[in-house]
């Protein structure tokens, strides 16, 4: 199963963990998209966008109009959400048109520590 992990971690930690599989020779089983703060994560991963990802999970490449129909929302609003998810690397543009969620699952990792 191809999973994407959305996580909160400082850029320095993301760079260090990116280099780790190269040093160890072991490939990681999941893609990772890191956000510097929880606020940035929630800015990208809104409730409406989460609903959109659920509708696209496991589906073939989809037009924005079809995605809007599946979530019963306005095409213009879905277009805005798709653009944000494309910019974050969560969605990809499909060959031949449309967009695709290229993963089978999403995992969100958040850690709240005492100051």
C-alpha atoms as a PDB file:
ATOM      1  CA  UNK A   1       0.000   0.000   0.000  1.00  0.00           C
ATOM      2  CA  UNK A   2       1.350   3.394  -0.988  1.00  0.00           C
ATOM      3  CA  UNK A   3       0.810   5.832   1.869  1.00  0.00           C
ATOM      4  CA  UNK A   4       1.484   9.548   2.165  1.00  0.00           C
ATOM      5  CA  UNK A   5       2.388  10.836   5.626  1.00  0.00           C
ATOM      6  CA  UNK A   6       1.493  14.439   6.376  1.00  0.00           C
ATOM      7  CA  UNK A   7       3.546  15.594   9.320  1.00  0.00           C
ATOM      8  CA  UNK A   8       4.594  18.642  11.281  1.00  0.00           C
ATOM      9  CA  UNK A   9       8.340  19.050  11.640  1.00  0.00           C
ATOM     10  CA  UNK A  10      10.904  21.811  11.201  1.00  0.00           C
ATOM     11  CA  UNK A  11      12.567  22.082   7.773  1.00  0.00           C
ATOM     12  CA  UNK A  12      15.951  21.004   9.210  1.00  0.00           C
ATOM     13  CA  UNK A  13      14.469  17.737  10.495  1.00  0.00           C
ATOM     14  CA  UNK A  14      12.785  17.096   7.143  1.00  0.00           C
ATOM     15  CA  UNK A  15      16.067  17.516   5.289  1.00  0.00           C
ATOM     16  CA  UNK A  16      17.887  15.214   7.718  1.00  0.00           C
ATOM     17  CA  UNK A  17      15.235  12.490   7.429  1.00  0.00           C
ATOM     18  CA  UNK A  18      15.255  12.816   3.627  1.00  0.00           C
ATOM     19  CA  UNK A  19      18.972  11.977   3.560  1.00  0.00           C
ATOM     20  CA  UNK A  20      18.629   9.034   5.992  1.00  0.00           C
ATOM     21  CA  UNK A  21      17.349   6.368   3.522  1.00  0.00           C
ATOM     22  CA  UNK A  22      20.186   7.286   1.154  1.00  0.00           C
ATOM     23  CA  UNK A  23      22.732   6.651   3.908  1.00  0.00           C
ATOM     24  CA  UNK A  24      21.122   3.445   5.192  1.00  0.00           C
ATOM     25  CA  UNK A  25      20.300   2.010   1.765  1.00  0.00           C
ATOM     26  CA  UNK A  26      16.730   1.217   2.872  1.00  0.00           C
ATOM     27  CA  UNK A  27      13.869   2.663   0.876  1.00  0.00           C
ATOM     28  CA  UNK A  28      10.981   4.173   2.785  1.00  0.00           C
ATOM     29  CA  UNK A  29       7.521   2.710   2.119  1.00  0.00           C
ATOM     30  CA  UNK A  30       5.684   5.992   2.319  1.00  0.00           C
ATOM     31  CA  UNK A  31       5.965   9.458   0.885  1.00  0.00           C
ATOM     32  CA  UNK A  32       6.261  12.265   3.425  1.00  0.00           C
ATOM     33  CA  UNK A  33       5.021  15.832   3.153  1.00  0.00           C
ATOM     34  CA  UNK A  34       6.176  18.021   6.014  1.00  0.00           C
ATOM     35  CA  UNK A  35       4.697  21.264   7.276  1.00  0.00           C
ATOM     36  CA  UNK A  36       6.718  23.621   9.464  1.00  0.00           C
ATOM     37  CA  UNK A  37       3.834  24.308  11.861  1.00  0.00           C
ATOM     38  CA  UNK A  38       0.467  22.760  12.717  1.00  0.00           C
ATOM     39  CA  UNK A  39      -1.167  25.959  11.484  1.00  0.00           C
ATOM     40  CA  UNK A  40       0.311  25.438   8.008  1.00  0.00           C
ATOM     41  CA  UNK A  41      -0.900  21.841   7.975  1.00  0.00           C
ATOM     42  CA  UNK A  42      -4.460  22.865   8.880  1.00  0.00           C
ATOM     43  CA  UNK A  43      -4.344  25.718   6.384  1.00  0.00           C
ATOM     44  CA  UNK A  44      -3.772  23.165   3.609  1.00  0.00           C
ATOM     45  CA  UNK A  45      -5.748  20.242   5.025  1.00  0.00           C
ATOM     46  CA  UNK A  46      -9.147  21.820   5.655  1.00  0.00           C
ATOM     47  CA  UNK A  47     -12.275  19.765   6.313  1.00  0.00           C
ATOM     48  CA  UNK A  48     -13.527  20.335   2.746  1.00  0.00           C
ATOM     49  CA  UNK A  49     -10.176  19.290   1.265  1.00  0.00           C
ATOM     50  CA  UNK A  50     -10.137  16.177   3.469  1.00  0.00           C
ATOM     51  CA  UNK A  51     -13.587  15.322   2.081  1.00  0.00           C
ATOM     52  CA  UNK A  52     -12.258  15.841  -1.440  1.00  0.00           C
ATOM     53  CA  UNK A  53      -9.280  13.546  -0.786  1.00  0.00           C
ATOM     54  CA  UNK A  54     -11.593  10.839   0.567  1.00  0.00           C
ATOM     55  CA  UNK A  55     -13.644  11.051  -2.631  1.00  0.00           C
ATOM     56  CA  UNK A  56     -10.513  10.776  -4.792  1.00  0.00           C
ATOM     57  CA  UNK A  57      -8.733   8.046  -2.795  1.00  0.00           C
ATOM     58  CA  UNK A  58      -8.435   4.934  -4.953  1.00  0.00           C
ATOM     59  CA  UNK A  59     -10.105   6.600  -7.934  1.00  0.00           C
ATOM     60  CA  UNK A  60      -8.817   6.998 -11.458  1.00  0.00           C
ATOM     61  CA  UNK A  61      -7.690  10.452 -12.650  1.00  0.00           C
ATOM     62  CA  UNK A  62     -10.609  12.831 -12.273  1.00  0.00           C
ATOM     63  CA  UNK A  63     -11.592  16.149 -13.779  1.00  0.00           C
ATOM     64  CA  UNK A  64     -12.262  19.003 -11.392  1.00  0.00           C
ATOM     65  CA  UNK A  65     -15.870  19.058 -12.535  1.00  0.00           C
ATOM     66  CA  UNK A  66     -16.256  15.346 -11.699  1.00  0.00           C
ATOM     67  CA  UNK A  67     -14.545  15.822  -8.328  1.00  0.00           C
ATOM     68  CA  UNK A  68     -16.965  18.670  -7.551  1.00  0.00           C
ATOM     69  CA  UNK A  69     -19.904  16.442  -8.479  1.00  0.00           C
ATOM     70  CA  UNK A  70     -18.659  13.657  -6.171  1.00  0.00           C
ATOM     71  CA  UNK A  71     -18.431  15.955  -3.154  1.00  0.00           C
ATOM     72  CA  UNK A  72     -21.538  17.939  -4.159  1.00  0.00           C
ATOM     73  CA  UNK A  73     -19.746  21.287  -4.167  1.00  0.00           C
ATOM     74  CA  UNK A  74     -19.268  24.264  -6.464  1.00  0.00           C
ATOM     75  CA  UNK A  75     -16.706  23.707  -9.258  1.00  0.00           C
ATOM     76  CA  UNK A  76     -14.940  27.003  -8.530  1.00  0.00           C
ATOM     77  CA  UNK A  77     -14.467  26.121  -4.836  1.00  0.00           C
ATOM     78  CA  UNK A  78     -13.207  22.630  -5.691  1.00  0.00           C
ATOM     79  CA  UNK A  79     -10.817  24.136  -8.250  1.00  0.00           C
ATOM     80  CA  UNK A  80      -9.360  26.319  -5.492  1.00  0.00           C
ATOM     81  CA  UNK A  81      -8.988  23.301  -3.189  1.00  0.00           C
ATOM     82  CA  UNK A  82      -7.405  21.180  -5.922  1.00  0.00           C
ATOM     83  CA  UNK A  83      -4.895  23.962  -6.641  1.00  0.00           C
ATOM     84  CA  UNK A  84      -3.908  24.128  -2.960  1.00  0.00           C
ATOM     85  CA  UNK A  85      -3.511  20.338  -2.769  1.00  0.00           C
ATOM     86  CA  UNK A  86      -1.476  20.293  -5.994  1.00  0.00           C
ATOM     87  CA  UNK A  87       0.809  23.015  -4.601  1.00  0.00           C
ATOM     88  CA  UNK A  88       1.276  21.016  -1.387  1.00  0.00           C
ATOM     89  CA  UNK A  89       2.154  17.857  -3.341  1.00  0.00           C
ATOM     90  CA  UNK A  90      -0.836  15.863  -2.118  1.00  0.00           C
ATOM     91  CA  UNK A  91      -2.455  15.656  -5.582  1.00  0.00           C
ATOM     92  CA  UNK A  92      -0.766  15.220  -8.970  1.00  0.00           C
ATOM     93  CA  UNK A  93      -1.768  16.231 -12.469  1.00  0.00           C
ATOM     94  CA  UNK A  94      -2.669  13.167 -14.505  1.00  0.00           C
ATOM     95  CA  UNK A  95      -1.362  12.466 -17.983  1.00  0.00           C
ATOM     96  CA  UNK A  96      -4.140  13.236 -20.417  1.00  0.00           C
ATOM     97  CA  UNK A  97      -5.814  15.721 -18.075  1.00  0.00           C
ATOM     98  CA  UNK A  98      -7.433  15.773 -14.708  1.00  0.00           C
ATOM     99  CA  UNK A  99      -5.953  15.254 -11.286  1.00  0.00           C
ATOM    100  CA  UNK A 100      -5.176  12.143  -9.281  1.00  0.00           C
ATOM    101  CA  UNK A 101      -4.554  11.249  -5.670  1.00  0.00           C
ATOM    102  CA  UNK A 102      -1.544   8.954  -6.228  1.00  0.00           C
ATOM    103  CA  UNK A 103      -1.719   7.184  -2.857  1.00  0.00           C
ATOM    104  CA  UNK A 104      -3.838   4.457  -1.282  1.00  0.00           C
ATOM    105  CA  UNK A 105      -3.867   6.014   2.181  1.00  0.00           C
ATOM    106  CA  UNK A 106      -3.123   9.169   4.153  1.00  0.00           C
ATOM    107  CA  UNK A 107      -1.555   9.241   7.586  1.00  0.00           C
ATOM    108  CA  UNK A 108      -1.381  12.474   9.583  1.00  0.00           C
ATOM    109  CA  UNK A 109       1.305  12.662  12.284  1.00  0.00           C
ATOM    110  CA  UNK A 110       1.055  15.381  14.903  1.00  0.00           C
ATOM    111  CA  UNK A 111       2.885  15.556  18.200  1.00  0.00           C
ATOM    112  CA  UNK A 112       1.994  18.065  20.876  1.00  0.00           C
ATOM    113  CA  UNK A 113       4.692  18.402  23.526  1.00  0.00           C
ATOM    114  CA  UNK A 114       4.821  20.404  26.711  1.00  0.00           C
ATOM    115  CA  UNK A 115       6.787  23.638  26.332  1.00  0.00           C
END
